Structure formats: structure tokens, C-alpha cells
C-alpha atoms as a PDB file:
ATOM      1  CA  MET A   1      35.830   0.926  12.379  1.00  0.00           C
ATOM      2  CA  LYS A   2      34.498   4.235  11.969  1.00  0.00           C
ATOM      3  CA  LYS A   3      33.933   3.131   8.402  1.00  0.00           C
ATOM      4  CA  ASN A   4      31.517   0.707   9.188  1.00  0.00           C
ATOM      5  CA  ILE A   5      29.691   2.658  11.863  1.00  0.00           C
ATOM      6  CA  PRO A   6      27.407   3.748   8.630  1.00  0.00           C
ATOM      7  CA  LEU A   7      26.779   0.616   6.870  1.00  0.00           C
ATOM      8  CA  ILE A   8      26.067  -1.178  10.210  1.00  0.00           C
ATOM      9  CA  LEU A   9      23.628   1.416  10.177  1.00  0.00           C
ATOM     10  CA  TYR A  10      22.556   0.754   7.041  1.00  0.00           C
ATOM     11  CA  PHE A  11      21.795  -2.660   7.083  1.00  0.00           C
ATOM     12  CA  SER A  12      20.571  -3.408  10.645  1.00  0.00           C
ATOM     13  CA  LEU A  13      17.284  -0.331  10.310  1.00  0.00           C
ATOM     14  CA  ALA A  14      16.653  -1.512   7.117  1.00  0.00           C
ATOM     15  CA  THR A  15      15.643  -5.110   8.385  1.00  0.00           C
ATOM     16  CA  PHE A  16      13.059  -3.001   9.866  1.00  0.00           C
ATOM     17  CA  THR A  17      11.446  -1.988   6.432  1.00  0.00           C
ATOM     18  CA  TYR A  18      10.519  -4.986   5.285  1.00  0.00           C
ATOM     19  CA  ALA A  19       6.763  -4.913   4.473  1.00  0.00           C
ATOM     20  CA  ASP A  20       4.274  -8.334   3.376  1.00  0.00           C
ATOM     21  CA  ASN A  21       1.420  -8.058   1.892  1.00  0.00           C
ATOM     22  CA  TRP A  22       1.151  -4.773   0.559  1.00  0.00           C
ATOM     23  CA  PRO A  23      -1.911  -4.186  -1.687  1.00  0.00           C
ATOM     24  CA  HIS A  24      -1.101  -3.812  -5.727  1.00  0.00           C
ATOM     25  CA  TRP A  25      -1.641  -0.989  -7.298  1.00  0.00           C
ATOM     26  CA  ARG A  26      -5.022  -0.945  -8.435  1.00  0.00           C
ATOM     27  CA  GLY A  27      -5.630  -4.328  -7.354  1.00  0.00           C
ATOM     28  CA  PRO A  28      -4.576  -7.694  -7.108  1.00  0.00           C
ATOM     29  CA  ASN A  29      -4.555  -8.048 -11.309  1.00  0.00           C
ATOM     30  CA  HIS A  30      -3.631  -4.376 -11.665  1.00  0.00           C
ATOM     31  CA  ASP A  31      -6.609  -3.321 -13.542  1.00  0.00           C
ATOM     32  CA  GLY A  32      -8.570  -1.841 -11.119  1.00  0.00           C
ATOM     33  CA  VAL A  33     -12.141  -4.337 -11.245  1.00  0.00           C
ATOM     34  CA  SER A  34     -13.610  -4.366  -7.948  1.00  0.00           C
ATOM     35  CA  ALA A  35     -15.206  -7.366  -7.523  1.00  0.00           C
ATOM     36  CA  GLU A  36     -16.913  -5.763  -4.478  1.00  0.00           C
ATOM     37  CA  LYS A  37     -20.832  -6.139  -5.899  1.00  0.00           C
ATOM     38  CA  GLY A  38     -23.921  -3.476  -5.540  1.00  0.00           C
ATOM     39  CA  LEU A  39     -21.292  -0.574  -5.371  1.00  0.00           C
ATOM     40  CA  PRO A  40     -23.499   2.654  -5.626  1.00  0.00           C
ATOM     41  CA  GLY A  41     -22.583   3.843  -9.514  1.00  0.00           C
ATOM     42  CA  GLU A  42     -23.159   8.088  -8.796  1.00  0.00           C
ATOM     43  CA  TRP A  43     -22.620  10.050  -6.457  1.00  0.00           C
ATOM     44  CA  SER A  44     -24.730  13.365  -5.366  1.00  0.00           C
ATOM     45  CA  GLU A  45     -24.827  16.080  -2.645  1.00  0.00           C
ATOM     46  CA  GLU A  46     -28.045  13.685  -1.273  1.00  0.00           C
ATOM     47  CA  LYS A  47     -27.122  10.127  -2.223  1.00  0.00           C
ATOM     48  CA  ASN A  48     -24.488   7.860  -1.692  1.00  0.00           C
ATOM     49  CA  ILE A  49     -22.773   9.561   0.722  1.00  0.00           C
ATOM     50  CA  ALA A  50     -21.479   8.307   3.968  1.00  0.00           C
END
């Protein structure tokens, strides 16, 4: 029975790590292109700073 405890814990805790709808690397098409419009193309210390 003691040998089965780590196995039981592994499978019971593995169900909590399931995640859905994670964003893909570099966007939904994996190309690094954004569909957003009107984004700034350059930044400086005075311009386009939030």
C-alpha cells in the first residue's frame, strides 16, 4: 500500500494542473502578427509611454 501512495497522489494532483484556453506562443497563428489597429510603431522617453 505504501508503494501506491505516491502514484495515487501524482494522479490526483495532476487533475488540478489542467488548464484550458492558454494563449499560443507568438499569437493564435504563431506568426507574431497582431490584428490590433492603431498601435504605436516607435517609443521614446516622452512619446507613447503609459
